[in-house]
Amino acid sequence: MNYFWAFVIGGAICVVGQLLIDYTSLSPARILTGYVVGGVILSAVGLYKPLADLAGAGASVPLLGFGHLLAQGVRQAVDQCGLPGVFTGGLTAASGGIAASLLFALLAALVGKSRDQN
């Protein structure tokens, strides 16, 4: 049943993103940023944790999960360090994902061949 909910909820998140790309004039960068901010907001109001518990990787892998991770890192750092935790908590919590993104981007740049867009 875990696979079912991961597929349904993760798929719904992706469908919403695809519909935004197809039927609005929003750029993909704005949509991605909106997903991260949406994850932060859902985490702040307490709605993301039950969703992630139900869907597992279906909710934690998309960018909503990255926003949730940033929000949880800030919350923990503020509890431990006070106000400076606002600036350090999100990056500390998400450092693994950020490092992996940079590594995979480097590998793609080394393997792929760049070309002009025209």
PDB file of N, CA and C in Angstrom:
ATOM      1  N   MET A   1       0.819  -1.192   0.000  1.00  0.00           N
ATOM      2  CA  MET A   1       0.000   0.000   0.000  1.00  0.00           C
ATOM      3  C   MET A   1       0.866   1.261   0.000  1.00  0.00           C
ATOM      4  N   ASN A   2       2.091   1.158   0.555  1.00  0.00           N
ATOM      5  CA  ASN A   2       2.991   2.311   0.554  1.00  0.00           C
ATOM      6  C   ASN A   2       3.340   2.742  -0.866  1.00  0.00           C
ATOM      7  N   TYR A   3       3.556   1.770  -1.741  1.00  0.00           N
ATOM      8  CA  TYR A   3       3.878   2.098  -3.131  1.00  0.00           C
ATOM      9  C   TYR A   3       2.718   2.813  -3.809  1.00  0.00           C
ATOM     10  N   PHE A   4       1.510   2.383  -3.495  1.00  0.00           N
ATOM     11  CA  PHE A   4       0.331   3.003  -4.088  1.00  0.00           C
ATOM     12  C   PHE A   4       0.247   4.473  -3.721  1.00  0.00           C
ATOM     13  N   TRP A   5       0.355   4.781  -2.429  1.00  0.00           N
ATOM     14  CA  TRP A   5       0.236   6.177  -1.996  1.00  0.00           C
ATOM     15  C   TRP A   5       1.409   7.015  -2.474  1.00  0.00           C
ATOM     16  N   ALA A   6       2.595   6.431  -2.517  1.00  0.00           N
ATOM     17  CA  ALA A   6       3.748   7.167  -3.049  1.00  0.00           C
ATOM     18  C   ALA A   6       3.515   7.515  -4.513  1.00  0.00           C
ATOM     19  N   PHE A   7       2.972   6.570  -5.273  1.00  0.00           N
ATOM     20  CA  PHE A   7       2.699   6.806  -6.685  1.00  0.00           C
ATOM     21  C   PHE A   7       1.608   7.852  -6.870  1.00  0.00           C
ATOM     22  N   VAL A   8       0.525   7.738  -6.123  1.00  0.00           N
ATOM     23  CA  VAL A   8      -0.612   8.648  -6.288  1.00  0.00           C
ATOM     24  C   VAL A   8      -0.238  10.070  -5.887  1.00  0.00           C
ATOM     25  N   ILE A   9       0.356  10.231  -4.725  1.00  0.00           N
ATOM     26  CA  ILE A   9       0.659  11.584  -4.242  1.00  0.00           C
ATOM     27  C   ILE A   9       1.828  12.185  -5.012  1.00  0.00           C
ATOM     28  N   GLY A  10       2.884  11.414  -5.237  1.00  0.00           N
ATOM     29  CA  GLY A  10       3.995  11.924  -6.044  1.00  0.00           C
ATOM     30  C   GLY A  10       3.559  12.249  -7.460  1.00  0.00           C
ATOM     31  N   GLY A  11       2.708  11.404  -8.029  1.00  0.00           N
ATOM     32  CA  GLY A  11       2.187  11.664  -9.367  1.00  0.00           C
ATOM     33  C   GLY A  11       1.316  12.902  -9.419  1.00  0.00           C
ATOM     34  N   ALA A  12       0.501  13.100  -8.380  1.00  0.00           N
ATOM     35  CA  ALA A  12      -0.354  14.293  -8.334  1.00  0.00           C
ATOM     36  C   ALA A  12       0.484  15.565  -8.261  1.00  0.00           C
ATOM     37  N   ILE A  13       1.563  15.517  -7.497  1.00  0.00           N
ATOM     38  CA  ILE A  13       2.458  16.674  -7.407  1.00  0.00           C
ATOM     39  C   ILE A  13       3.046  16.979  -8.789  1.00  0.00           C
ATOM     40  N   CYS A  14       3.467  15.942  -9.492  1.00  0.00           N
ATOM     41  CA  CYS A  14       4.046  16.135 -10.825  1.00  0.00           C
ATOM     42  C   CYS A  14       3.009  16.595 -11.842  1.00  0.00           C
ATOM     43  N   VAL A  15       1.783  16.080 -11.741  1.00  0.00           N
ATOM     44  CA  VAL A  15       0.719  16.493 -12.664  1.00  0.00           C
ATOM     45  C   VAL A  15       0.419  17.973 -12.497  1.00  0.00           C
ATOM     46  N   VAL A  16       0.359  18.437 -11.254  1.00  0.00           N
ATOM     47  CA  VAL A  16       0.110  19.864 -11.016  1.00  0.00           C
ATOM     48  C   VAL A  16       1.217  20.702 -11.652  1.00  0.00           C
ATOM     49  N   GLY A  17       2.464  20.284 -11.477  1.00  0.00           N
ATOM     50  CA  GLY A  17       3.575  21.013 -12.095  1.00  0.00           C
ATOM     51  C   GLY A  17       3.483  21.031 -13.608  1.00  0.00           C
ATOM     52  N   GLN A  18       3.134  19.893 -14.202  1.00  0.00           N
ATOM     53  CA  GLN A  18       3.017  19.831 -15.657  1.00  0.00           C
ATOM     54  C   GLN A  18       1.871  20.698 -16.154  1.00  0.00           C
ATOM     55  N   LEU A  19       0.751  20.709 -15.436  1.00  0.00           N
ATOM     56  CA  LEU A  19      -0.373  21.568 -15.823  1.00  0.00           C
ATOM     57  C   LEU A  19       0.006  23.043 -15.732  1.00  0.00           C
ATOM     58  N   LEU A  20       0.778  23.397 -14.720  1.00  0.00           N
ATOM     59  CA  LEU A  20       1.234  24.784 -14.607  1.00  0.00           C
ATOM     60  C   LEU A  20       2.138  25.162 -15.779  1.00  0.00           C
ATOM     61  N   ILE A  21       2.986  24.244 -16.195  1.00  0.00           N
ATOM     62  CA  ILE A  21       3.858  24.516 -17.341  1.00  0.00           C
ATOM     63  C   ILE A  21       3.038  24.649 -18.624  1.00  0.00           C
ATOM     64  N   ASP A  22       2.075  23.748 -18.811  1.00  0.00           N
ATOM     65  CA  ASP A  22       1.305  23.713 -20.059  1.00  0.00           C
ATOM     66  C   ASP A  22       0.298  24.846 -20.193  1.00  0.00           C
ATOM     67  N   TYR A  23      -0.345  25.232 -19.099  1.00  0.00           N
ATOM     68  CA  TYR A  23      -1.489  26.138 -19.203  1.00  0.00           C
ATOM     69  C   TYR A  23      -1.294  27.513 -18.578  1.00  0.00           C
ATOM     70  N   THR A  24      -0.108  27.817 -18.112  1.00  0.00           N
ATOM     71  CA  THR A  24       0.153  29.159 -17.593  1.00  0.00           C
ATOM     72  C   THR A  24       1.384  29.724 -18.284  1.00  0.00           C
ATOM     73  N   SER A  25       1.613  30.981 -18.070  1.00  0.00           N
ATOM     74  CA  SER A  25       2.809  31.606 -18.640  1.00  0.00           C
ATOM     75  C   SER A  25       3.963  31.610 -17.642  1.00  0.00           C
ATOM     76  N   LEU A  26       3.827  30.850 -16.561  1.00  0.00           N
ATOM     77  CA  LEU A  26       4.903  30.773 -15.577  1.00  0.00           C
ATOM     78  C   LEU A  26       6.090  30.012 -16.156  1.00  0.00           C
ATOM     79  N   SER A  27       7.279  30.501 -15.870  1.00  0.00           N
ATOM     80  CA  SER A  27       8.476  29.797 -16.319  1.00  0.00           C
ATOM     81  C   SER A  27       8.719  28.600 -15.395  1.00  0.00           C
ATOM     82  N   PRO A  28       9.417  27.580 -15.887  1.00  0.00           N
ATOM     83  CA  PRO A  28       9.718  26.439 -15.022  1.00  0.00           C
ATOM     84  C   PRO A  28      10.467  26.837 -13.749  1.00  0.00           C
ATOM     85  N   ALA A  29      11.325  27.844 -13.828  1.00  0.00           N
ATOM     86  CA  ALA A  29      12.048  28.287 -12.634  1.00  0.00           C
ATOM     87  C   ALA A  29      11.091  28.830 -11.577  1.00  0.00           C
ATOM     88  N   ARG A  30      10.085  29.573 -12.005  1.00  0.00           N
ATOM     89  CA  ARG A  30       9.100  30.095 -11.048  1.00  0.00           C
ATOM     90  C   ARG A  30       8.263  28.972 -10.449  1.00  0.00           C
ATOM     91  N   ILE A  31       7.939  27.985 -11.243  1.00  0.00           N
ATOM     92  CA  ILE A  31       7.161  26.854 -10.737  1.00  0.00           C
ATOM     93  C   ILE A  31       7.979  26.066  -9.720  1.00  0.00           C
ATOM     94  N   LEU A  32       9.243  25.828 -10.018  1.00  0.00           N
ATOM     95  CA  LEU A  32      10.105  25.109  -9.082  1.00  0.00           C
ATOM     96  C   LEU A  32      10.263  25.878  -7.777  1.00  0.00           C
ATOM     97  N   THR A  33      10.442  27.184  -7.884  1.00  0.00           N
ATOM     98  CA  THR A  33      10.545  28.014  -6.686  1.00  0.00           C
ATOM     99  C   THR A  33       9.243  27.978  -5.901  1.00  0.00           C
ATOM    100  N   GLY A  34       8.130  28.001  -6.607  1.00  0.00           N
ATOM    101  CA  GLY A  34       6.832  27.913  -5.946  1.00  0.00           C
ATOM    102  C   GLY A  34       6.657  26.605  -5.200  1.00  0.00           C
ATOM    103  N   TYR A  35       7.150  25.519  -5.767  1.00  0.00           N
ATOM    104  CA  TYR A  35       7.079  24.231  -5.081  1.00  0.00           C
ATOM    105  C   TYR A  35       7.901  24.246  -3.790  1.00  0.00           C
ATOM    106  N   VAL A  36       9.097  24.801  -3.827  1.00  0.00           N
ATOM    107  CA  VAL A  36       9.925  24.858  -2.622  1.00  0.00           C
ATOM    108  C   VAL A  36       9.241  25.712  -1.556  1.00  0.00           C
ATOM    109  N   VAL A  37       8.741  26.879  -1.948  1.00  0.00           N
ATOM    110  CA  VAL A  37       8.040  27.751  -0.999  1.00  0.00           C
ATOM    111  C   VAL A  37       6.778  27.058  -0.484  1.00  0.00           C
ATOM    112  N   GLY A  38       6.082  26.344  -1.361  1.00  0.00           N
ATOM    113  CA  GLY A  38       4.903  25.595  -0.930  1.00  0.00           C
ATOM    114  C   GLY A  38       5.241  24.541   0.109  1.00  0.00           C
ATOM    115  N   GLY A  39       6.370  23.868  -0.062  1.00  0.00           N
ATOM    116  CA  GLY A  39       6.814  22.896   0.931  1.00  0.00           C
ATOM    117  C   GLY A  39       7.112  23.538   2.268  1.00  0.00           C
ATOM    118  N   VAL A  40       7.712  24.719   2.239  1.00  0.00           N
ATOM    119  CA  VAL A  40       7.989  25.447   3.481  1.00  0.00           C
ATOM    120  C   VAL A  40       6.681  25.829   4.165  1.00  0.00           C
ATOM    121  N   ILE A  41       5.730  26.336   3.392  1.00  0.00           N
ATOM    122  CA  ILE A  41       4.447  26.763   3.968  1.00  0.00           C
ATOM    123  C   ILE A  41       3.681  25.566   4.525  1.00  0.00           C
ATOM    124  N   LEU A  42       3.601  24.480   3.764  1.00  0.00           N
ATOM    125  CA  LEU A  42       2.905  23.291   4.258  1.00  0.00           C
ATOM    126  C   LEU A  42       3.560  22.742   5.518  1.00  0.00           C
ATOM    127  N   SER A  43       4.873  22.816   5.585  1.00  0.00           N
ATOM    128  CA  SER A  43       5.583  22.374   6.780  1.00  0.00           C
ATOM    129  C   SER A  43       5.304  23.293   7.960  1.00  0.00           C
ATOM    130  N   ALA A  44       5.257  24.593   7.706  1.00  0.00           N
ATOM    131  CA  ALA A  44       5.037  25.562   8.783  1.00  0.00           C
ATOM    132  C   ALA A  44       3.654  25.418   9.407  1.00  0.00           C
ATOM    133  N   VAL A  45       2.650  25.099   8.603  1.00  0.00           N
ATOM    134  CA  VAL A  45       1.293  24.963   9.142  1.00  0.00           C
ATOM    135  C   VAL A  45       0.993  23.538   9.598  1.00  0.00           C
ATOM    136  N   GLY A  46       1.960  22.641   9.473  1.00  0.00           N
ATOM    137  CA  GLY A  46       1.807  21.288   9.989  1.00  0.00           C
ATOM    138  C   GLY A  46       1.097  20.315   9.069  1.00  0.00           C
ATOM    139  N   LEU A  47       0.950  20.640   7.798  1.00  0.00           N
ATOM    140  CA  LEU A  47       0.261  19.753   6.866  1.00  0.00           C
ATOM    141  C   LEU A  47       1.198  18.813   6.113  1.00  0.00           C
ATOM    142  N   TYR A  48       2.475  19.138   6.057  1.00  0.00           N
ATOM    143  CA  TYR A  48       3.378  18.337   5.232  1.00  0.00           C
ATOM    144  C   TYR A  48       3.771  17.026   5.903  1.00  0.00           C
ATOM    145  N   LYS A  49       3.960  17.030   7.201  1.00  0.00           N
ATOM    146  CA  LYS A  49       4.393  15.823   7.915  1.00  0.00           C
ATOM    147  C   LYS A  49       3.403  14.670   7.739  1.00  0.00           C
ATOM    148  N   PRO A  50       2.084  14.882   7.920  1.00  0.00           N
ATOM    149  CA  PRO A  50       1.158  13.764   7.676  1.00  0.00           C
ATOM    150  C   PRO A  50       1.168  13.292   6.220  1.00  0.00           C
ATOM    151  N   LEU A  51       1.331  14.220   5.291  1.00  0.00           N
ATOM    152  CA  LEU A  51       1.405  13.860   3.880  1.00  0.00           C
ATOM    153  C   LEU A  51       2.643  13.013   3.608  1.00  0.00           C
ATOM    154  N   ALA A  52       3.769  13.402   4.173  1.00  0.00           N
ATOM    155  CA  ALA A  52       5.011  12.649   3.985  1.00  0.00           C
ATOM    156  C   ALA A  52       4.944  11.289   4.673  1.00  0.00           C
ATOM    157  N   ASP A  53       4.269  11.216   5.819  1.00  0.00           N
ATOM    158  CA  ASP A  53       4.113   9.927   6.492  1.00  0.00           C
ATOM    159  C   ASP A  53       3.265   8.971   5.660  1.00  0.00           C
ATOM    160  N   LEU A  54       2.261   9.493   4.984  1.00  0.00           N
ATOM    161  CA  LEU A  54       1.392   8.661   4.155  1.00  0.00           C
ATOM    162  C   LEU A  54       2.081   8.251   2.856  1.00  0.00           C
ATOM    163  N   ALA A  55       2.708   9.201   2.181  1.00  0.00           N
ATOM    164  CA  ALA A  55       3.238   8.948   0.838  1.00  0.00           C
ATOM    165  C   ALA A  55       4.702   8.539   0.811  1.00  0.00           C
ATOM    166  N   GLY A  56       5.439   8.744   1.869  1.00  0.00           N
ATOM    167  CA  GLY A  56       6.852   8.382   1.875  1.00  0.00           C
ATOM    168  C   GLY A  56       7.633   9.149   0.823  1.00  0.00           C
ATOM    169  N   ALA A  57       8.359   8.416  -0.021  1.00  0.00           N
ATOM    170  CA  ALA A  57       9.194   9.054  -1.042  1.00  0.00           C
ATOM    171  C   ALA A  57       8.374   9.790  -2.089  1.00  0.00           C
ATOM    172  N   GLY A  58       7.108   9.438  -2.247  1.00  0.00           N
ATOM    173  CA  GLY A  58       6.261  10.149  -3.196  1.00  0.00           C
ATOM    174  C   GLY A  58       6.080  11.606  -2.836  1.00  0.00           C
ATOM    175  N   ALA A  59       6.208  11.923  -1.550  1.00  0.00           N
ATOM    176  CA  ALA A  59       6.087  13.311  -1.108  1.00  0.00           C
ATOM    177  C   ALA A  59       7.431  13.928  -0.758  1.00  0.00           C
ATOM    178  N   SER A  60       8.406  13.115  -0.388  1.00  0.00           N
ATOM    179  CA  SER A  60       9.670  13.694   0.071  1.00  0.00           C
ATOM    180  C   SER A  60      10.677  13.926  -1.048  1.00  0.00           C
ATOM    181  N   VAL A  61      10.552  13.232  -2.172  1.00  0.00           N
ATOM    182  CA  VAL A  61      11.513  13.396  -3.258  1.00  0.00           C
ATOM    183  C   VAL A  61      11.266  14.657  -4.086  1.00  0.00           C
ATOM    184  N   PRO A  62      10.006  15.009  -4.426  1.00  0.00           N
ATOM    185  CA  PRO A  62       9.807  16.243  -5.206  1.00  0.00           C
ATOM    186  C   PRO A  62      10.254  17.486  -4.436  1.00  0.00           C
ATOM    187  N   LEU A  63      10.211  18.612  -5.094  1.00  0.00           N
ATOM    188  CA  LEU A  63      10.706  19.852  -4.494  1.00  0.00           C
ATOM    189  C   LEU A  63       9.923  20.294  -3.273  1.00  0.00           C
ATOM    190  N   LEU A  64       8.696  19.840  -3.120  1.00  0.00           N
ATOM    191  CA  LEU A  64       7.977  20.123  -1.879  1.00  0.00           C
ATOM    192  C   LEU A  64       8.746  19.559  -0.689  1.00  0.00           C
ATOM    193  N   GLY A  65       9.335  18.390  -0.873  1.00  0.00           N
ATOM    194  CA  GLY A  65      10.126  17.772   0.186  1.00  0.00           C
ATOM    195  C   GLY A  65      11.370  18.574   0.517  1.00  0.00           C
ATOM    196  N   PHE A  66      11.974  19.201  -0.482  1.00  0.00           N
ATOM    197  CA  PHE A  66      13.141  20.049  -0.236  1.00  0.00           C
ATOM    198  C   PHE A  66      12.748  21.260   0.601  1.00  0.00           C
ATOM    199  N   GLY A  67      11.600  21.856   0.289  1.00  0.00           N
ATOM    200  CA  GLY A  67      11.111  22.975   1.090  1.00  0.00           C
ATOM    201  C   GLY A  67      10.826  22.558   2.517  1.00  0.00           C
ATOM    202  N   HIS A  68      10.227  21.378   2.684  1.00  0.00           N
ATOM    203  CA  HIS A  68       9.960  20.853   4.027  1.00  0.00           C
ATOM    204  C   HIS A  68      11.264  20.637   4.787  1.00  0.00           C
ATOM    205  N   LEU A  69      12.255  20.093   4.110  1.00  0.00           N
ATOM    206  CA  LEU A  69      13.558  19.857   4.734  1.00  0.00           C
ATOM    207  C   LEU A  69      14.201  21.169   5.179  1.00  0.00           C
ATOM    208  N   LEU A  70      14.127  22.196   4.348  1.00  0.00           N
ATOM    209  CA  LEU A  70      14.658  23.508   4.726  1.00  0.00           C
ATOM    210  C   LEU A  70      13.942  24.050   5.958  1.00  0.00           C
ATOM    211  N   ALA A  71      12.618  23.957   5.971  1.00  0.00           N
ATOM    212  CA  ALA A  71      11.842  24.484   7.099  1.00  0.00           C
ATOM    213  C   ALA A  71      12.155  23.735   8.387  1.00  0.00           C
ATOM    214  N   GLN A  72      12.267  22.416   8.310  1.00  0.00           N
ATOM    215  CA  GLN A  72      12.573  21.646   9.508  1.00  0.00           C
ATOM    216  C   GLN A  72      13.984  21.946  10.016  1.00  0.00           C
ATOM    217  N   GLY A  73      14.925  22.131   9.103  1.00  0.00           N
ATOM    218  CA  GLY A  73      16.282  22.485   9.510  1.00  0.00           C
ATOM    219  C   GLY A  73      16.340  23.827  10.209  1.00  0.00           C
ATOM    220  N   VAL A  74      15.611  24.795   9.692  1.00  0.00           N
ATOM    221  CA  VAL A  74      15.566  26.117  10.332  1.00  0.00           C
ATOM    222  C   VAL A  74      14.919  26.010  11.703  1.00  0.00           C
ATOM    223  N   ARG A  75      13.832  25.262  11.794  1.00  0.00           N
ATOM    224  CA  ARG A  75      13.138  25.114  13.080  1.00  0.00           C
ATOM    225  C   ARG A  75      14.060  24.494  14.136  1.00  0.00           C
ATOM    226  N   GLN A  76      14.788  23.449  13.767  1.00  0.00           N
ATOM    227  CA  GLN A  76      15.693  22.803  14.713  1.00  0.00           C
ATOM    228  C   GLN A  76      16.852  23.712  15.093  1.00  0.00           C
ATOM    229  N   ALA A  77      17.412  24.422  14.125  1.00  0.00           N
ATOM    230  CA  ALA A  77      18.544  25.306  14.412  1.00  0.00           C
ATOM    231  C   ALA A  77      18.127  26.479  15.287  1.00  0.00           C
ATOM    232  N   VAL A  78      16.921  26.995  15.096  1.00  0.00           N
ATOM    233  CA  VAL A  78      16.443  28.089  15.946  1.00  0.00           C
ATOM    234  C   VAL A  78      16.246  27.589  17.371  1.00  0.00           C
ATOM    235  N   ASP A  79      15.746  26.366  17.529  1.00  0.00           N
ATOM    236  CA  ASP A  79      15.588  25.803  18.869  1.00  0.00           C
ATOM    237  C   ASP A  79      16.933  25.633  19.564  1.00  0.00           C
ATOM    238  N   GLN A  80      17.980  25.302  18.810  1.00  0.00           N
ATOM    239  CA  GLN A  80      19.291  25.054  19.394  1.00  0.00           C
ATOM    240  C   GLN A  80      20.133  26.318  19.548  1.00  0.00           C
ATOM    241  N   CYS A  81      20.138  27.189  18.530  1.00  0.00           N
ATOM    242  CA  CYS A  81      21.066  28.323  18.489  1.00  0.00           C
ATOM    243  C   CYS A  81      20.396  29.679  18.618  1.00  0.00           C
ATOM    244  N   GLY A  82      19.092  29.726  18.577  1.00  0.00           N
ATOM    245  CA  GLY A  82      18.410  31.013  18.597  1.00  0.00           C
ATOM    246  C   GLY A  82      18.327  31.606  17.202  1.00  0.00           C
ATOM    247  N   LEU A  83      18.301  32.923  17.140  1.00  0.00           N
ATOM    248  CA  LEU A  83      18.105  33.634  15.876  1.00  0.00           C
ATOM    249  C   LEU A  83      19.135  33.308  14.788  1.00  0.00           C
ATOM    250  N   PRO A  84      20.422  33.099  15.093  1.00  0.00           N
ATOM    251  CA  PRO A  84      21.358  32.741  14.015  1.00  0.00           C
ATOM    252  C   PRO A  84      20.989  31.444  13.288  1.00  0.00           C
ATOM    253  N   GLY A  85      20.194  30.596  13.914  1.00  0.00           N
ATOM    254  CA  GLY A  85      19.760  29.360  13.281  1.00  0.00           C
ATOM    255  C   GLY A  85      18.903  29.583  12.053  1.00  0.00           C
ATOM    256  N   VAL A  86      18.290  30.771  11.956  1.00  0.00           N
ATOM    257  CA  VAL A  86      17.494  31.097  10.770  1.00  0.00           C
ATOM    258  C   VAL A  86      18.373  31.076   9.527  1.00  0.00           C
ATOM    259  N   PHE A  87      19.609  31.500   9.669  1.00  0.00           N
ATOM    260  CA  PHE A  87      20.515  31.608   8.521  1.00  0.00           C
ATOM    261  C   PHE A  87      21.267  30.313   8.224  1.00  0.00           C
ATOM    262  N   THR A  88      21.449  29.466   9.224  1.00  0.00           N
ATOM    263  CA  THR A  88      22.271  28.272   9.034  1.00  0.00           C
ATOM    264  C   THR A  88      21.485  26.973   8.973  1.00  0.00           C
ATOM    265  N   GLY A  89      20.324  26.925   9.567  1.00  0.00           N
ATOM    266  CA  GLY A  89      19.590  25.669   9.710  1.00  0.00           C
ATOM    267  C   GLY A  89      19.168  25.036   8.405  1.00  0.00           C
ATOM    268  N   GLY A  90      18.647  25.834   7.492  1.00  0.00           N
ATOM    269  CA  GLY A  90      18.176  25.281   6.226  1.00  0.00           C
ATOM    270  C   GLY A  90      19.293  24.676   5.407  1.00  0.00           C
ATOM    271  N   LEU A  91      20.415  25.354   5.347  1.00  0.00           N
ATOM    272  CA  LEU A  91      21.545  24.837   4.563  1.00  0.00           C
ATOM    273  C   LEU A  91      22.162  23.605   5.214  1.00  0.00           C
ATOM    274  N   THR A  92      22.209  23.597   6.542  1.00  0.00           N
ATOM    275  CA  THR A  92      22.753  22.436   7.232  1.00  0.00           C
ATOM    276  C   THR A  92      21.888  21.210   6.984  1.00  0.00           C
ATOM    277  N   ALA A  93      20.571  21.374   7.076  1.00  0.00           N
ATOM    278  CA  ALA A  93      19.663  20.240   6.892  1.00  0.00           C
ATOM    279  C   ALA A  93      19.666  19.733   5.459  1.00  0.00           C
ATOM    280  N   ALA A  94      19.824  20.616   4.508  1.00  0.00           N
ATOM    281  CA  ALA A  94      19.726  20.239   3.098  1.00  0.00           C
ATOM    282  C   ALA A  94      21.080  20.061   2.431  1.00  0.00           C
ATOM    283  N   SER A  95      22.154  20.063   3.196  1.00  0.00           N
ATOM    284  CA  SER A  95      23.484  20.030   2.587  1.00  0.00           C
ATOM    285  C   SER A  95      23.727  18.765   1.770  1.00  0.00           C
ATOM    286  N   GLY A  96      23.195  17.635   2.187  1.00  0.00           N
ATOM    287  CA  GLY A  96      23.366  16.402   1.416  1.00  0.00           C
ATOM    288  C   GLY A  96      22.726  16.502   0.041  1.00  0.00           C
ATOM    289  N   GLY A  97      21.511  17.022  -0.007  1.00  0.00           N
ATOM    290  CA  GLY A  97      20.814  17.184  -1.285  1.00  0.00           C
ATOM    291  C   GLY A  97      21.484  18.200  -2.183  1.00  0.00           C
ATOM    292  N   ILE A  98      21.972  19.279  -1.586  1.00  0.00           N
ATOM    293  CA  ILE A  98      22.656  20.308  -2.367  1.00  0.00           C
ATOM    294  C   ILE A  98      23.960  19.756  -2.942  1.00  0.00           C
ATOM    295  N   ALA A  99      24.708  19.024  -2.114  1.00  0.00           N
ATOM    296  CA  ALA A  99      25.967  18.442  -2.584  1.00  0.00           C
ATOM    297  C   ALA A  99      25.719  17.426  -3.700  1.00  0.00           C
ATOM    298  N   ALA A 100      24.681  16.603  -3.559  1.00  0.00           N
ATOM    299  CA  ALA A 100      24.363  15.625  -4.602  1.00  0.00           C
ATOM    300  C   ALA A 100      23.963  16.326  -5.895  1.00  0.00           C
ATOM    301  N   SER A 101      23.205  17.406  -5.792  1.00  0.00           N
ATOM    302  CA  SER A 101      22.806  18.157  -6.989  1.00  0.00           C
ATOM    303  C   SER A 101      24.021  18.708  -7.718  1.00  0.00           C
ATOM    304  N   LEU A 102      24.957  19.255  -6.967  1.00  0.00           N
ATOM    305  CA  LEU A 102      26.170  19.790  -7.584  1.00  0.00           C
ATOM    306  C   LEU A 102      27.002  18.687  -8.230  1.00  0.00           C
ATOM    307  N   LEU A 103      27.106  17.550  -7.554  1.00  0.00           N
ATOM    308  CA  LEU A 103      27.876  16.435  -8.098  1.00  0.00           C
ATOM    309  C   LEU A 103      27.255  15.914  -9.394  1.00  0.00           C
ATOM    310  N   PHE A 104      25.942  15.732  -9.400  1.00  0.00           N
ATOM    311  CA  PHE A 104      25.285  15.227 -10.610  1.00  0.00           C
ATOM    312  C   PHE A 104      25.329  16.246 -11.741  1.00  0.00           C
ATOM    313  N   ALA A 105      25.272  17.531 -11.413  1.00  0.00           N
ATOM    314  CA  ALA A 105      25.402  18.557 -12.449  1.00  0.00           C
ATOM    315  C   ALA A 105      26.801  18.523 -13.057  1.00  0.00           C
ATOM    316  N   LEU A 106      27.810  18.323 -12.221  1.00  0.00           N
ATOM    317  CA  LEU A 106      29.177  18.217 -12.720  1.00  0.00           C
ATOM    318  C   LEU A 106      29.329  16.994 -13.621  1.00  0.00           C
ATOM    319  N   LEU A 107      28.784  15.861 -13.192  1.00  0.00           N
ATOM    320  CA  LEU A 107      28.859  14.656 -14.020  1.00  0.00           C
ATOM    321  C   LEU A 107      28.135  14.844 -15.350  1.00  0.00           C
ATOM    322  N   ALA A 108      26.983  15.486 -15.325  1.00  0.00           N
ATOM    323  CA  ALA A 108      26.247  15.735 -16.568  1.00  0.00           C
ATOM    324  C   ALA A 108      27.035  16.655 -17.487  1.00  0.00           C
ATOM    325  N   ALA A 109      27.719  17.637 -16.914  1.00  0.00           N
ATOM    326  CA  ALA A 109      28.524  18.550 -17.726  1.00  0.00           C
ATOM    327  C   ALA A 109      29.727  17.836 -18.336  1.00  0.00           C
ATOM    328  N   LEU A 110      30.300  16.898 -17.600  1.00  0.00           N
ATOM    329  CA  LEU A 110      31.450  16.164 -18.123  1.00  0.00           C
ATOM    330  C   LEU A 110      31.044  15.163 -19.199  1.00  0.00           C
ATOM    331  N   VAL A 111      29.906  14.523 -19.040  1.00  0.00           N
ATOM    332  CA  VAL A 111      29.460  13.492 -19.974  1.00  0.00           C
ATOM    333  C   VAL A 111      28.759  14.099 -21.184  1.00  0.00           C
ATOM    334  N   GLY A 112      27.948  15.112 -20.952  1.00  0.00           N
ATOM    335  CA  GLY A 112      27.168  15.711 -22.033  1.00  0.00           C
ATOM    336  C   GLY A 112      27.994  16.664 -22.871  1.00  0.00           C
ATOM    337  N   LYS A 113      27.456  16.978 -24.026  1.00  0.00           N
ATOM    338  CA  LYS A 113      28.123  17.909 -24.925  1.00  0.00           C
ATOM    339  C   LYS A 113      27.274  19.170 -24.999  1.00  0.00           C
ATOM    340  N   SER A 114      27.851  20.295 -24.661  1.00  0.00           N
ATOM    341  CA  SER A 114      27.092  21.544 -24.708  1.00  0.00           C
ATOM    342  C   SER A 114      27.023  22.047 -26.145  1.00  0.00           C
ATOM    343  N   ARG A 115      25.941  22.756 -26.420  1.00  0.00           N
ATOM    344  CA  ARG A 115      25.769  23.328 -27.758  1.00  0.00           C
ATOM    345  C   ARG A 115      24.960  24.603 -27.633  1.00  0.00           C
ATOM    346  N   ASP A 116      25.024  25.425 -28.668  1.00  0.00           N
ATOM    347  CA  ASP A 116      24.254  26.661 -28.688  1.00  0.00           C
ATOM    348  C   ASP A 116      22.780  26.345 -28.854  1.00  0.00           C
ATOM    349  N   GLN A 117      21.929  27.250 -28.339  1.00  0.00           N
ATOM    350  CA  GLN A 117      20.492  27.022 -28.429  1.00  0.00           C
ATOM    351  C   GLN A 117      19.920  27.382 -29.788  1.00  0.00           C
ATOM    352  N   ASN A 118      20.601  28.147 -30.607  1.00  0.00           N
ATOM    353  CA  ASN A 118      20.039  28.516 -31.911  1.00  0.00           C
ATOM    354  C   ASN A 118      20.326  27.497 -32.937  1.00  0.00           C
TER     355      ASN A 118
END
